[in-house]
Amino acid sequence: MDLAQLTAEMQRFVDSRGWSSDETSKPQTQRNLAISLVLEASEVLELFQWSETPNAASELASELADVALYLFQLASVSGIDLERAVLEKLKMNYGREW
């Protein structure tokens, strides 16, 4: 599955929960999704709080998936082709001095 397909699958999930409707208590706005993305990223960090590695790889996988899903949704509602943005950023990074 590519990023576009994963994004479409995320949108199907959002639609199935009714979060795309105007009456939802969880509006899919850029602000709300950006906040959720950071909160989920913090949950990744929490797994490393007192240890060099998480207790279970499955916990890390689950939290990373949450981060990715919010990232896909934020890019989607922002009208950003995430796959193209990542490729452009990589190209730019290859030209940078580190």
N, C-alpha and C. Protein backbone atom coordinates (compact mmCIF):
# COMPACT_ATOMS: atom_id res chain seq x y z
N MET A 1 0.84 -1.17 0.00
CA MET A 1 0.00 0.00 0.00
C MET A 1 0.89 1.24 0.00
N ASP A 2 0.57 2.22 -0.84
CA ASP A 2 1.35 3.45 -0.85
C ASP A 2 0.69 4.50 0.04
N LEU A 3 1.31 5.67 0.14
CA LEU A 3 0.79 6.71 1.03
C LEU A 3 -0.61 7.17 0.66
N ALA A 4 -0.88 7.27 -0.63
CA ALA A 4 -2.21 7.68 -1.07
C ALA A 4 -3.27 6.67 -0.63
N GLN A 5 -2.95 5.40 -0.74
CA GLN A 5 -3.89 4.35 -0.32
C GLN A 5 -4.07 4.36 1.20
N LEU A 6 -2.99 4.55 1.93
CA LEU A 6 -3.09 4.63 3.39
C LEU A 6 -3.92 5.84 3.81
N THR A 7 -3.73 6.96 3.13
CA THR A 7 -4.51 8.16 3.43
C THR A 7 -5.99 7.92 3.14
N ALA A 8 -6.28 7.27 2.03
CA ALA A 8 -7.67 6.95 1.70
C ALA A 8 -8.29 6.02 2.74
N GLU A 9 -7.51 5.06 3.21
CA GLU A 9 -8.01 4.15 4.24
C GLU A 9 -8.27 4.90 5.54
N MET A 10 -7.40 5.84 5.88
CA MET A 10 -7.60 6.68 7.06
C MET A 10 -8.89 7.48 6.91
N GLN A 11 -9.13 8.04 5.72
CA GLN A 11 -10.34 8.82 5.50
C GLN A 11 -11.58 7.94 5.62
N ARG A 12 -11.51 6.71 5.13
CA ARG A 12 -12.65 5.79 5.29
C ARG A 12 -12.95 5.55 6.76
N PHE A 13 -11.90 5.42 7.57
CA PHE A 13 -12.09 5.23 9.00
C PHE A 13 -12.74 6.47 9.63
N VAL A 14 -12.22 7.64 9.30
CA VAL A 14 -12.77 8.90 9.83
C VAL A 14 -14.24 9.02 9.45
N ASP A 15 -14.55 8.73 8.20
CA ASP A 15 -15.95 8.79 7.74
C ASP A 15 -16.81 7.79 8.48
N SER A 16 -16.29 6.61 8.74
CA SER A 16 -17.07 5.57 9.42
C SER A 16 -17.42 5.96 10.85
N ARG A 17 -16.63 6.83 11.45
CA ARG A 17 -16.88 7.30 12.81
C ARG A 17 -17.73 8.57 12.84
N GLY A 18 -18.02 9.13 11.66
CA GLY A 18 -18.82 10.34 11.60
C GLY A 18 -18.03 11.61 11.88
N TRP A 19 -16.72 11.51 11.88
CA TRP A 19 -15.90 12.67 12.22
C TRP A 19 -15.77 13.67 11.08
N SER A 20 -16.31 13.33 9.92
CA SER A 20 -16.28 14.26 8.78
C SER A 20 -17.52 15.15 8.74
N SER A 21 -18.51 14.82 9.55
CA SER A 21 -19.76 15.59 9.53
C SER A 21 -19.58 16.92 10.28
N ASP A 22 -20.45 17.86 9.96
CA ASP A 22 -20.40 19.17 10.61
C ASP A 22 -20.79 19.11 12.08
N GLU A 23 -21.54 18.09 12.47
CA GLU A 23 -22.01 17.99 13.85
C GLU A 23 -21.09 17.18 14.77
N THR A 24 -19.96 16.76 14.30
CA THR A 24 -19.07 15.90 15.08
C THR A 24 -18.45 16.64 16.27
N SER A 25 -18.16 15.89 17.30
CA SER A 25 -17.44 16.45 18.45
C SER A 25 -15.93 16.35 18.23
N LYS A 26 -15.52 15.76 17.13
CA LYS A 26 -14.10 15.59 16.81
C LYS A 26 -13.81 16.11 15.39
N PRO A 27 -13.98 17.42 15.18
CA PRO A 27 -13.78 17.96 13.84
C PRO A 27 -12.35 17.78 13.36
N GLN A 28 -12.23 17.39 12.11
CA GLN A 28 -10.93 17.11 11.52
C GLN A 28 -10.31 18.39 10.95
N THR A 29 -10.03 19.35 11.83
CA THR A 29 -9.41 20.59 11.41
C THR A 29 -7.89 20.46 11.48
N GLN A 30 -7.20 21.35 10.78
CA GLN A 30 -5.74 21.31 10.82
C GLN A 30 -5.25 21.45 12.26
N ARG A 31 -5.81 22.38 13.00
CA ARG A 31 -5.40 22.60 14.39
C ARG A 31 -5.60 21.36 15.24
N ASN A 32 -6.79 20.77 15.18
CA ASN A 32 -7.08 19.60 16.00
C ASN A 32 -6.18 18.42 15.63
N LEU A 33 -5.94 18.25 14.35
CA LEU A 33 -5.09 17.14 13.91
C LEU A 33 -3.63 17.37 14.29
N ALA A 34 -3.16 18.62 14.21
CA ALA A 34 -1.79 18.93 14.62
C ALA A 34 -1.59 18.66 16.11
N ILE A 35 -2.58 19.04 16.91
CA ILE A 35 -2.51 18.77 18.35
C ILE A 35 -2.48 17.26 18.59
N SER A 36 -3.36 16.54 17.93
CA SER A 36 -3.42 15.09 18.10
C SER A 36 -2.13 14.42 17.66
N LEU A 37 -1.52 14.92 16.60
CA LEU A 37 -0.25 14.37 16.11
C LEU A 37 0.83 14.51 17.17
N VAL A 38 0.92 15.67 17.78
CA VAL A 38 1.94 15.89 18.82
C VAL A 38 1.65 15.05 20.06
N LEU A 39 0.39 14.93 20.43
CA LEU A 39 0.04 14.10 21.59
C LEU A 39 0.43 12.65 21.35
N GLU A 40 0.18 12.15 20.16
CA GLU A 40 0.55 10.77 19.85
C GLU A 40 2.07 10.61 19.81
N ALA A 41 2.78 11.61 19.28
CA ALA A 41 4.24 11.56 19.27
C ALA A 41 4.78 11.53 20.70
N SER A 42 4.11 12.24 21.60
CA SER A 42 4.51 12.21 23.00
C SER A 42 4.32 10.83 23.61
N GLU A 43 3.33 10.10 23.14
CA GLU A 43 3.13 8.73 23.62
C GLU A 43 4.26 7.82 23.15
N VAL A 44 4.82 8.11 21.98
CA VAL A 44 6.01 7.37 21.54
C VAL A 44 7.15 7.66 22.50
N LEU A 45 7.35 8.92 22.79
CA LEU A 45 8.43 9.32 23.70
C LEU A 45 8.25 8.72 25.09
N GLU A 46 7.01 8.62 25.53
CA GLU A 46 6.74 8.05 26.84
C GLU A 46 7.24 6.61 26.97
N LEU A 47 7.23 5.88 25.86
CA LEU A 47 7.71 4.50 25.89
C LEU A 47 9.20 4.42 26.22
N PHE A 48 9.91 5.52 25.99
CA PHE A 48 11.36 5.56 26.24
C PHE A 48 11.70 6.33 27.51
N GLN A 49 10.69 6.71 28.28
CA GLN A 49 10.92 7.60 29.43
C GLN A 49 11.98 7.09 30.39
N TRP A 50 11.96 5.84 30.78
CA TRP A 50 12.91 5.32 31.76
C TRP A 50 13.70 4.14 31.23
N SER A 51 13.76 4.03 29.90
CA SER A 51 14.41 2.88 29.31
C SER A 51 14.96 3.25 27.93
N GLU A 52 16.03 2.59 27.54
CA GLU A 52 16.60 2.83 26.21
C GLU A 52 15.75 2.21 25.11
N THR A 53 14.96 1.21 25.46
CA THR A 53 14.07 0.56 24.51
C THR A 53 12.71 0.35 25.15
N PRO A 54 11.65 0.33 24.35
CA PRO A 54 10.31 0.07 24.91
C PRO A 54 10.21 -1.36 25.42
N ASN A 55 9.30 -1.57 26.34
CA ASN A 55 9.09 -2.91 26.89
C ASN A 55 8.63 -3.90 25.82
N ALA A 56 7.81 -3.41 24.89
CA ALA A 56 7.28 -4.30 23.85
C ALA A 56 7.30 -3.59 22.51
N ALA A 57 7.86 -4.27 21.51
CA ALA A 57 7.90 -3.68 20.17
C ALA A 57 6.49 -3.41 19.65
N SER A 58 5.52 -4.21 20.09
CA SER A 58 4.15 -4.01 19.63
C SER A 58 3.57 -2.68 20.13
N GLU A 59 3.97 -2.26 21.33
CA GLU A 59 3.51 -0.96 21.85
C GLU A 59 4.08 0.17 21.00
N LEU A 60 5.37 0.08 20.67
CA LEU A 60 5.99 1.09 19.83
C LEU A 60 5.32 1.11 18.45
N ALA A 61 5.09 -0.05 17.89
CA ALA A 61 4.45 -0.14 16.57
C ALA A 61 3.07 0.52 16.60
N SER A 62 2.32 0.29 17.65
CA SER A 62 0.98 0.85 17.77
C SER A 62 1.03 2.38 17.86
N GLU A 63 1.94 2.89 18.67
CA GLU A 63 2.04 4.34 18.81
C GLU A 63 2.56 5.00 17.54
N LEU A 64 3.53 4.37 16.87
CA LEU A 64 4.02 4.90 15.60
C LEU A 64 2.91 4.92 14.55
N ALA A 65 2.06 3.91 14.56
CA ALA A 65 0.92 3.87 13.64
C ALA A 65 -0.03 5.03 13.93
N ASP A 66 -0.28 5.32 15.20
CA ASP A 66 -1.13 6.46 15.55
C ASP A 66 -0.55 7.76 15.00
N VAL A 67 0.77 7.93 15.16
CA VAL A 67 1.43 9.13 14.65
C VAL A 67 1.25 9.22 13.14
N ALA A 68 1.50 8.12 12.45
CA ALA A 68 1.38 8.11 10.99
C ALA A 68 -0.04 8.43 10.55
N LEU A 69 -1.02 7.86 11.22
CA LEU A 69 -2.41 8.09 10.83
C LEU A 69 -2.80 9.56 10.99
N TYR A 70 -2.40 10.17 12.09
CA TYR A 70 -2.68 11.61 12.25
C TYR A 70 -1.92 12.43 11.23
N LEU A 71 -0.69 12.05 10.91
CA LEU A 71 0.08 12.75 9.89
C LEU A 71 -0.61 12.66 8.53
N PHE A 72 -1.06 11.48 8.16
CA PHE A 72 -1.77 11.31 6.89
C PHE A 72 -3.01 12.18 6.85
N GLN A 73 -3.77 12.19 7.93
CA GLN A 73 -5.02 12.96 7.96
C GLN A 73 -4.74 14.46 7.91
N LEU A 74 -3.73 14.91 8.64
CA LEU A 74 -3.38 16.34 8.62
C LEU A 74 -2.95 16.77 7.22
N ALA A 75 -2.11 15.97 6.59
CA ALA A 75 -1.69 16.28 5.23
C ALA A 75 -2.90 16.31 4.29
N SER A 76 -3.79 15.36 4.45
CA SER A 76 -4.97 15.28 3.59
C SER A 76 -5.87 16.50 3.72
N VAL A 77 -6.23 16.87 4.94
CA VAL A 77 -7.12 18.02 5.11
C VAL A 77 -6.42 19.33 4.75
N SER A 78 -5.10 19.31 4.70
CA SER A 78 -4.33 20.50 4.33
C SER A 78 -4.07 20.57 2.83
N GLY A 79 -4.50 19.54 2.10
CA GLY A 79 -4.31 19.52 0.66
C GLY A 79 -2.86 19.27 0.25
N ILE A 80 -2.12 18.57 1.09
CA ILE A 80 -0.70 18.29 0.83
C ILE A 80 -0.55 16.86 0.36
N ASP A 81 0.14 16.69 -0.76
CA ASP A 81 0.51 15.37 -1.25
C ASP A 81 1.74 14.96 -0.45
N LEU A 82 1.53 14.18 0.58
CA LEU A 82 2.60 13.83 1.52
C LEU A 82 3.73 13.06 0.84
N GLU A 83 3.38 12.17 -0.07
CA GLU A 83 4.40 11.41 -0.77
C GLU A 83 5.32 12.35 -1.55
N ARG A 84 4.75 13.28 -2.27
CA ARG A 84 5.55 14.25 -3.03
C ARG A 84 6.36 15.14 -2.09
N ALA A 85 5.74 15.58 -0.99
CA ALA A 85 6.44 16.44 -0.02
C ALA A 85 7.66 15.73 0.57
N VAL A 86 7.50 14.45 0.89
CA VAL A 86 8.61 13.68 1.46
C VAL A 86 9.73 13.55 0.43
N LEU A 87 9.37 13.23 -0.80
CA LEU A 87 10.39 13.08 -1.84
C LEU A 87 11.11 14.40 -2.11
N GLU A 88 10.37 15.50 -2.13
CA GLU A 88 11.00 16.82 -2.32
C GLU A 88 11.93 17.16 -1.16
N LYS A 89 11.51 16.84 0.05
CA LYS A 89 12.33 17.11 1.23
C LYS A 89 13.60 16.28 1.20
N LEU A 90 13.49 15.02 0.82
CA LEU A 90 14.68 14.17 0.70
C LEU A 90 15.65 14.73 -0.33
N LYS A 91 15.12 15.17 -1.46
CA LYS A 91 15.96 15.76 -2.50
C LYS A 91 16.69 16.99 -1.96
N MET A 92 15.98 17.83 -1.26
CA MET A 92 16.59 19.02 -0.67
C MET A 92 17.64 18.64 0.37
N ASN A 93 17.35 17.63 1.18
CA ASN A 93 18.30 17.20 2.20
C ASN A 93 19.59 16.64 1.61
N TYR A 94 19.49 15.97 0.47
CA TYR A 94 20.70 15.45 -0.18
C TYR A 94 21.64 16.58 -0.55
N GLY A 95 21.10 17.76 -0.83
CA GLY A 95 21.92 18.90 -1.21
C GLY A 95 22.44 19.72 -0.05
N ARG A 96 22.03 19.37 1.17
CA ARG A 96 22.45 20.14 2.35
C ARG A 96 23.77 19.64 2.90
N GLU A 97 24.46 20.54 3.55
CA GLU A 97 25.67 20.18 4.30
C GLU A 97 25.27 19.92 5.74
N TRP A 98 25.71 18.83 6.31
CA TRP A 98 25.35 18.48 7.68
C TRP A 98 26.53 18.63 8.58
